[in-house]
Amino acid sequence: MTKPLETHELSAIRARLSGCVDGPWIHRGDGFIETADHRVIGVTCAGNGDCGGNVKLPRVAHGQFLAAAREDIPRLLAEVDRLREEVERLCAQPATEPPPKNVVPAPKAPVAFGVR
């Protein structure tokens, strides 16, 4: 299990995100990551990572991941916020004692025993 992210770590992630061009980002498949209005913001290789010569750039799967990150990261941060709020809410509730073990609950309605 990992340790929880500190507030300053989440703030740093939010700051890096706010410095990025708005999404969605698209990996075109020919090696370019661009915005919806076709501004190129990153370059990967279209195939196996070999772009010719000595240049090695990320593969298509990496480009797709990077392009999706612009929308995935805000959603993940929102989920972190939601879950932390839920933890706070649950921790603020008074604790209830669990039911005792091995105890047969009382019947909900009286049981009538007939005689023949």
Protein backbone atom coordinates (compact mmCIF):
# COMPACT_ATOMS: atom_id res chain seq x y z
CA MET A 1 0.00 0.00 0.00
CA THR A 2 1.28 3.45 -0.84
CA LYS A 3 1.23 6.29 1.61
CA PRO A 4 -1.35 9.04 1.05
CA LEU A 5 -0.35 12.00 -1.07
CA GLU A 6 0.47 15.09 0.94
CA THR A 7 -1.47 18.29 0.24
CA HIS A 8 1.66 19.92 -1.24
CA GLU A 9 2.08 16.97 -3.65
CA LEU A 10 -1.48 17.34 -4.91
CA SER A 11 -0.95 21.10 -5.20
CA ALA A 12 2.18 20.50 -7.32
CA ILE A 13 0.22 18.18 -9.64
CA ARG A 14 -2.54 20.78 -9.97
CA ALA A 15 0.05 23.50 -10.73
CA ARG A 16 1.65 21.40 -13.48
CA LEU A 17 -1.79 20.70 -14.92
CA SER A 18 -2.80 24.36 -14.91
CA GLY A 19 0.35 25.18 -16.89
CA CYS A 20 -0.76 22.94 -19.75
CA VAL A 21 -2.79 23.85 -22.79
CA ASP A 22 -6.46 22.94 -22.37
CA GLY A 23 -7.61 19.56 -23.64
CA PRO A 24 -8.67 17.44 -25.19
CA TRP A 25 -5.36 16.36 -26.65
CA ILE A 26 -5.24 13.97 -29.57
CA HIS A 27 -2.50 11.56 -30.62
CA ARG A 28 -2.82 11.56 -34.37
CA GLY A 29 -0.98 8.25 -34.85
CA ASP A 30 1.62 9.83 -37.12
CA GLY A 31 3.68 10.90 -34.13
CA PHE A 32 2.09 14.22 -33.20
CA ILE A 33 0.08 15.08 -30.08
CA GLU A 34 -2.07 18.09 -30.73
CA THR A 35 -4.92 20.11 -29.31
CA ALA A 36 -8.44 20.08 -30.75
CA ASP A 37 -7.54 23.20 -32.74
CA HIS A 38 -4.51 21.37 -34.25
CA ARG A 39 -1.71 23.01 -32.24
CA VAL A 40 1.13 20.49 -31.89
CA ILE A 41 2.14 20.08 -28.25
CA GLY A 42 4.22 16.90 -28.41
CA VAL A 43 5.92 14.46 -30.74
CA THR A 44 6.20 10.69 -30.55
CA CYS A 45 7.07 8.10 -33.16
CA ALA A 46 4.31 6.61 -35.25
CA GLY A 47 5.67 3.07 -35.02
CA ASN A 48 8.12 1.23 -32.82
CA GLY A 49 9.98 4.23 -31.39
CA ASP A 50 12.68 4.30 -34.05
CA CYS A 51 12.40 7.65 -35.79
CA GLY A 52 15.48 7.18 -37.90
CA GLY A 53 19.05 8.04 -37.06
CA ASN A 54 19.92 8.16 -33.39
CA VAL A 55 16.59 9.70 -32.36
CA LYS A 56 14.39 7.62 -30.07
CA LEU A 57 10.97 9.04 -29.21
CA PRO A 58 8.06 7.47 -27.32
CA ARG A 59 5.99 4.82 -29.04
CA VAL A 60 2.35 5.16 -30.11
CA ALA A 61 1.04 3.74 -26.82
CA HIS A 62 3.06 6.36 -24.96
CA GLY A 63 1.65 9.10 -27.17
CA GLN A 64 -1.89 7.90 -26.57
CA PHE A 65 -1.26 7.85 -22.82
CA LEU A 66 0.22 11.35 -22.88
CA ALA A 67 -2.66 12.69 -24.95
CA ALA A 68 -5.25 11.12 -22.63
CA ALA A 69 -3.46 12.45 -19.51
CA ARG A 70 -4.80 15.96 -20.12
CA GLU A 71 -8.31 14.75 -19.40
CA ASP A 72 -7.46 11.81 -17.12
CA ILE A 73 -5.46 13.81 -14.55
CA PRO A 74 -8.26 16.31 -13.76
CA ARG A 75 -10.71 13.42 -13.40
CA LEU A 76 -8.34 11.57 -11.05
CA LEU A 77 -7.78 14.71 -8.97
CA ALA A 78 -11.54 15.21 -8.71
CA GLU A 79 -11.90 11.61 -7.56
CA VAL A 80 -9.20 12.13 -4.90
CA ASP A 81 -11.09 15.20 -3.68
CA ARG A 82 -14.40 13.32 -3.62
CA LEU A 83 -12.96 10.36 -1.72
CA ARG A 84 -11.20 12.57 0.82
CA GLU A 85 -14.45 14.44 1.45
CA GLU A 86 -16.23 11.12 1.91
CA VAL A 87 -13.60 9.96 4.41
CA GLU A 88 -13.98 13.21 6.35
CA ARG A 89 -17.77 12.83 6.34
CA LEU A 90 -17.61 9.25 7.55
CA CYS A 91 -15.04 10.07 10.24
CA ALA A 92 -17.26 12.86 11.54
CA GLN A 93 -20.18 10.48 12.11
CA PRO A 94 -20.55 9.03 15.59
CA ALA A 95 -19.23 5.51 15.85
CA THR A 96 -21.75 2.74 16.16
CA GLU A 97 -21.01 -0.46 17.97
CA PRO A 98 -21.12 -3.59 15.86
CA PRO A 99 -23.75 -6.16 16.79
CA PRO A 100 -22.52 -8.77 19.24
CA LYS A 101 -21.37 -12.03 17.65
CA ASN A 102 -23.12 -15.35 18.18
CA VAL A 103 -26.32 -13.79 19.47
CA VAL A 104 -29.62 -14.90 18.04
CA PRO A 105 -31.77 -11.85 17.30
CA ALA A 106 -35.16 -11.61 18.95
CA PRO A 107 -38.07 -12.52 16.70
CA LYS A 108 -39.84 -9.58 15.10
CA ALA A 109 -43.33 -10.96 15.72
CA PRO A 110 -44.56 -13.14 18.56
CA VAL A 111 -44.36 -16.81 17.84
CA ALA A 112 -47.53 -18.77 18.61
CA PHE A 113 -47.32 -22.43 19.39
CA GLY A 114 -50.54 -24.32 18.86
CA VAL A 115 -51.62 -27.48 20.64
CA ARG A 116 -53.49 -30.22 18.86
